[in-house]
Protein backbone atom coordinates (compact mmCIF):
# COMPACT_ATOMS: atom_id res chain seq x y z
CA MET A 1 -60.38 37.84 11.51
CA GLU A 2 -62.38 39.39 8.59
CA PHE A 3 -62.18 38.16 4.87
CA GLU A 4 -62.44 41.47 3.81
CA HIS A 5 -59.47 42.92 5.45
CA VAL A 6 -57.06 39.95 4.44
CA LEU A 7 -58.18 40.00 0.90
CA SER A 8 -57.61 43.88 0.76
CA HIS A 9 -54.67 43.77 2.50
CA HIS A 10 -52.94 41.03 0.25
CA LEU A 11 -54.41 42.71 -2.73
CA ILE A 12 -54.69 46.63 -2.48
CA ASP A 13 -51.69 48.79 -2.35
CA HIS A 14 -50.98 50.46 0.81
CA LYS A 15 -48.27 52.89 0.76
CA LEU A 16 -45.20 52.15 3.27
CA PHE A 17 -44.79 55.72 3.58
CA HIS A 18 -45.47 59.12 1.48
CA PHE A 19 -43.14 61.12 -0.57
CA MET A 20 -44.65 63.89 -2.44
CA VAL A 21 -43.78 65.40 -5.46
CA GLY A 22 -46.26 68.23 -6.19
CA PRO A 23 -49.30 66.43 -6.20
CA LEU A 24 -47.83 62.79 -6.87
CA ASP A 25 -47.01 60.58 -4.10
CA LEU A 26 -43.96 58.37 -4.80
CA GLY A 27 -43.55 56.90 -1.73
CA LEU A 28 -42.92 52.80 -1.78
CA SER A 29 -45.90 50.15 -1.61
CA PRO A 30 -46.25 46.69 -1.14
CA LEU A 31 -46.86 46.29 -4.94
CA ILE A 32 -43.87 48.32 -6.03
CA LEU A 33 -41.62 46.56 -3.91
CA THR A 34 -42.99 43.20 -5.27
CA MET A 35 -42.34 44.36 -8.67
CA TRP A 36 -39.10 45.22 -7.75
CA VAL A 37 -38.23 42.08 -6.49
CA ALA A 38 -39.85 40.11 -9.34
CA SER A 39 -37.94 41.98 -11.90
CA LEU A 40 -34.50 41.13 -9.81
CA ILE A 41 -35.22 37.54 -9.84
CA ALA A 42 -36.06 37.50 -13.28
CA ILE A 43 -33.00 39.57 -14.15
CA VAL A 44 -30.65 37.12 -12.11
CA THR A 45 -32.38 33.78 -13.22
CA LEU A 46 -32.01 34.59 -16.91
CA SER A 47 -28.61 36.36 -16.69
CA PHE A 48 -27.40 33.11 -14.73
CA ALA A 49 -28.81 30.86 -17.56
CA ALA A 50 -27.68 32.63 -20.25
CA ARG A 51 -23.92 32.49 -18.93
CA THR A 52 -23.83 28.79 -18.17
CA GLN A 53 -23.77 26.60 -21.01
CA SER A 54 -25.49 23.57 -19.10
CA GLY A 55 -27.19 23.04 -15.77
CA LEU A 56 -30.98 23.09 -14.27
CA VAL A 57 -31.50 26.55 -14.52
CA ARG A 58 -30.62 26.73 -18.25
CA GLY A 59 -32.08 23.88 -19.23
CA MET A 60 -35.36 25.17 -17.77
CA ILE A 61 -34.94 28.49 -19.18
CA GLU A 62 -33.98 27.67 -22.62
CA PRO A 63 -36.83 25.54 -23.81
CA VAL A 64 -39.23 28.42 -22.58
CA VAL A 65 -37.28 30.91 -24.55
CA LEU A 66 -37.16 28.85 -27.77
CA PHE A 67 -41.08 28.30 -27.58
CA VAL A 68 -41.55 32.04 -26.94
CA ARG A 69 -39.35 33.05 -30.08
CA ASP A 70 -40.18 29.70 -32.59
CA ASP A 71 -43.97 28.93 -31.44
CA ILE A 72 -45.28 32.58 -30.76
CA LEU A 73 -43.26 35.08 -32.30
CA GLU A 74 -41.97 33.55 -35.71
CA PRO A 75 -45.27 32.78 -37.09
CA ILE A 76 -46.45 36.00 -36.63
CA PHE A 77 -43.57 38.22 -37.00
CA GLY A 78 -41.89 36.21 -39.62
CA HIS A 79 -38.20 37.91 -40.07
CA HIS A 80 -38.97 40.79 -37.98
CA THR A 81 -38.90 38.33 -34.89
CA ASP A 82 -35.51 39.04 -33.39
CA ILE A 83 -36.31 42.87 -33.42
CA TYR A 84 -39.16 42.11 -30.87
CA LEU A 85 -37.84 39.26 -29.09
CA PRO A 86 -36.36 41.24 -26.25
CA TYR A 87 -39.49 42.84 -25.60
CA PHE A 88 -41.75 39.77 -25.40
CA LEU A 89 -39.34 37.80 -23.59
CA THR A 90 -39.25 40.51 -20.98
CA LEU A 91 -42.79 40.71 -20.79
CA PHE A 92 -43.46 36.89 -20.68
CA PHE A 93 -40.75 36.38 -17.50
CA PHE A 94 -42.02 39.51 -15.74
CA LEU A 95 -45.60 38.47 -15.98
CA LEU A 96 -44.59 34.84 -14.95
CA THR A 97 -42.88 35.85 -12.20
CA CYS A 98 -45.26 38.17 -10.73
CA ASN A 99 -47.70 36.05 -11.15
CA LEU A 100 -45.89 33.26 -9.04
CA LEU A 101 -44.59 35.70 -6.52
CA GLY A 102 -48.60 36.63 -5.92
CA LEU A 103 -48.80 32.87 -4.55
CA VAL A 104 -46.16 33.44 -1.96
CA PRO A 105 -47.77 34.17 1.46
CA LYS A 106 -47.48 37.93 2.79
CA ALA A 107 -46.47 38.95 -0.69
CA ALA A 108 -48.55 41.28 -2.88
CA GLY A 109 -50.82 39.97 -5.66
CA VAL A 110 -49.40 42.22 -8.46
CA THR A 111 -51.20 40.94 -11.38
CA ALA A 112 -54.15 40.85 -9.12
CA ASN A 113 -54.13 44.60 -9.04
CA ILE A 114 -56.12 45.92 -12.12
CA ALA A 115 -53.52 49.43 -11.75
CA VAL A 116 -50.62 46.71 -12.69
CA THR A 117 -52.32 45.20 -15.39
CA ALA A 118 -53.76 48.44 -16.94
CA SER A 119 -50.11 49.57 -17.08
CA MET A 120 -49.10 46.66 -19.22
CA ALA A 121 -52.28 46.87 -21.45
CA ILE A 122 -50.96 50.57 -21.92
CA CYS A 123 -47.55 49.34 -23.03
CA THR A 124 -49.14 46.84 -25.17
CA PHE A 125 -50.97 49.76 -27.01
CA GLY A 126 -47.92 51.98 -27.14
CA LEU A 127 -46.10 49.07 -28.58
CA ILE A 128 -48.92 48.61 -31.43
CA GLN A 129 -48.25 52.01 -32.35
CA PHE A 130 -44.75 52.21 -32.32
CA ALA A 131 -44.54 49.17 -34.37
CA GLY A 132 -47.10 50.22 -36.95
CA ILE A 133 -45.51 53.56 -37.33
CA LYS A 134 -41.92 51.96 -37.52
CA GLU A 135 -42.77 49.30 -40.13
CA GLN A 136 -45.06 51.19 -42.34
CA GLY A 137 -44.68 54.90 -41.86
CA LEU A 138 -47.34 57.17 -40.18
CA GLY A 139 -49.36 57.76 -43.34
CA SER A 140 -49.72 54.11 -44.29
CA TYR A 141 -50.30 53.15 -40.76
CA LEU A 142 -53.33 55.30 -40.49
CA TYR A 143 -54.64 54.37 -43.74
CA HIS A 144 -54.45 50.57 -43.10
CA ILE A 145 -56.03 50.60 -39.53
CA VAL A 146 -59.26 50.35 -41.91
CA PRO A 147 -59.23 47.31 -44.03
CA GLY A 148 -58.94 47.68 -47.74
CA GLY A 149 -61.82 47.65 -50.40
CA VAL A 150 -64.04 49.94 -47.95
CA PRO A 151 -66.10 52.46 -49.92
CA TRP A 152 -64.36 55.99 -49.23
CA TRP A 153 -67.66 57.34 -47.68
CA LEU A 154 -67.42 54.66 -45.01
CA TRP A 155 -63.61 55.24 -44.14
CA PRO A 156 -64.23 57.74 -41.58
CA ILE A 157 -66.73 55.84 -39.72
CA LEU A 158 -65.14 52.77 -39.99
CA PHE A 159 -61.57 54.45 -38.60
CA VAL A 160 -63.11 55.73 -35.39
CA ILE A 161 -64.84 51.97 -35.06
CA GLU A 162 -61.36 50.44 -35.29
CA VAL A 163 -59.62 52.89 -33.12
CA PHE A 164 -61.92 52.02 -30.53
CA GLY A 165 -61.28 48.54 -31.26
CA MET A 166 -57.83 48.87 -30.57
CA PHE A 167 -58.58 50.22 -27.17
CA ALA A 168 -60.93 47.27 -26.77
CA LYS A 169 -58.16 44.93 -27.17
CA CYS A 170 -56.13 46.35 -24.65
CA ILE A 171 -58.75 47.05 -22.12
CA SER A 172 -59.55 43.14 -22.44
CA LEU A 173 -55.96 42.13 -21.85
CA CYS A 174 -56.17 44.30 -18.92
CA ILE A 175 -59.33 42.61 -17.38
CA ARG A 176 -58.43 39.16 -18.40
CA LEU A 177 -55.30 38.97 -16.63
CA PHE A 178 -56.54 40.94 -13.66
CA ALA A 179 -59.77 38.85 -13.30
CA ASN A 180 -57.95 35.29 -13.71
CA MET A 181 -55.29 36.19 -10.94
CA LEU A 182 -57.78 38.05 -8.44
CA ALA A 183 -60.50 35.00 -8.63
CA GLY A 184 -57.44 32.48 -7.71
CA HIS A 185 -56.99 34.54 -4.53
CA ILE A 186 -60.35 34.80 -3.70
CA VAL A 187 -61.43 31.30 -4.27
CA SER A 188 -58.25 30.12 -2.13
CA LEU A 189 -59.03 32.55 0.55
CA SER A 190 -63.10 31.53 0.73
CA PHE A 191 -62.03 27.84 1.06
CA LEU A 192 -59.59 28.67 4.19
CA PHE A 193 -62.33 31.08 5.72
CA LEU A 194 -64.75 28.39 5.82
CA ILE A 195 -62.87 27.05 8.46
CA PHE A 196 -63.47 30.40 10.64
CA ILE A 197 -66.93 30.83 10.03
CA PHE A 198 -67.90 26.98 10.81
CA ALA A 199 -65.64 27.66 13.96
CA GLN A 200 -67.64 30.55 14.93
CA MET A 201 -70.93 28.14 15.32
CA SER A 202 -68.78 25.49 16.80
CA LYS A 203 -65.39 25.02 17.78
CA PRO A 204 -65.67 21.18 16.81
CA LEU A 205 -67.37 21.96 13.53
CA GLY A 206 -64.30 24.14 12.60
CA LEU A 207 -61.99 21.31 13.17
CA ALA A 208 -64.37 18.97 11.17
CA VAL A 209 -64.43 21.10 8.21
CA SER A 210 -60.66 22.21 8.20
CA PRO A 211 -59.13 19.44 6.38
CA MET A 212 -61.65 19.58 3.68
CA ALA A 213 -61.16 23.26 3.49
CA VAL A 214 -57.38 23.14 3.64
CA GLY A 215 -57.42 20.52 0.71
CA LEU A 216 -59.66 22.64 -1.26
CA ALA A 217 -57.49 25.80 -1.00
CA LEU A 218 -54.29 23.78 -1.45
CA PHE A 219 -55.93 22.09 -4.63
CA ILE A 220 -56.88 25.67 -5.94
CA TYR A 221 -53.34 26.98 -5.15
CA LEU A 222 -52.15 24.43 -7.32
CA MET A 223 -54.36 25.34 -10.03
CA ASP A 224 -53.20 28.84 -9.57
CA VAL A 225 -49.70 27.75 -10.32
CA LEU A 226 -50.76 26.57 -13.79
CA VAL A 227 -52.75 29.51 -14.38
CA SER A 228 -49.85 31.65 -13.93
CA PHE A 229 -48.08 29.98 -16.58
CA LEU A 230 -51.38 29.99 -18.75
CA GLN A 231 -51.89 33.84 -18.22
CA ALA A 232 -48.44 34.66 -18.82
CA TYR A 233 -48.61 32.95 -22.00
CA ILE A 234 -51.94 34.48 -22.89
CA PHE A 235 -50.99 37.84 -22.42
CA THR A 236 -48.03 37.19 -24.44
CA ILE A 237 -49.29 35.52 -27.66
CA LEU A 238 -52.27 38.36 -27.59
CA THR A 239 -49.86 40.99 -27.50
CA ALA A 240 -47.89 39.14 -30.23
CA LEU A 241 -51.02 39.03 -32.36
CA PHE A 242 -52.13 42.92 -31.78
CA VAL A 243 -48.67 44.34 -32.74
CA GLY A 244 -48.27 41.84 -35.58
CA GLY A 245 -51.49 43.10 -37.06
CA ALA A 246 -49.56 46.54 -36.91
CA VAL A 247 -46.48 45.01 -38.55
CA HIS A 248 -48.20 43.03 -41.31
CA PRO A 249 -51.42 44.81 -42.16
CA HIS A 250 -52.34 42.56 -44.87
């Protein structure tokens, strides 16, 4: 059993079959299937919680929805909150479900794949532009990309810098989520593979190391559950801040 093989099987996308449409391969892969499953779980759970007046599921979901609305979006968007609430609830619960589903054995680590997190960051970049143009108009949005009070001769330079800064913010979103989720998988597997490494030296040594290795892997696994919630929150609130800056430029 090789560490690289197990890690790549869990994190790197592999096509289950190929379906070519011109140069595009639209065949299914474990990552796509996992995202479909995560979407289905989120839709069913949230729909059930919305249609019940009480119960455990609603009691768990409702405080989270109120937290996203009242503590994340309301201070940033103000009276625009209800317009953007559906997107941010979808974003938060989709990321949370994908993060937690990636901890299930044999499931693909969706948010530990940089292609997925890059796609989420592209959605954030697109929403920044859409919200800014929608709320301010195209001309006003472009003008307010540069902070007010800047001398006219500095405006073109700062405009380019601010646009690059906007790209950098989205790239940081992509890398932050990818790196944090990937790190948890690597550390957990590293502790488990200590058993096989020491067993190659001596089987009794491998057995002696196994309780400590399994205990450390379980500890990291529990930490990953916390990180799953934390990273969904961080991605959501940073996206809200970036979009809010476009909606309220002053």
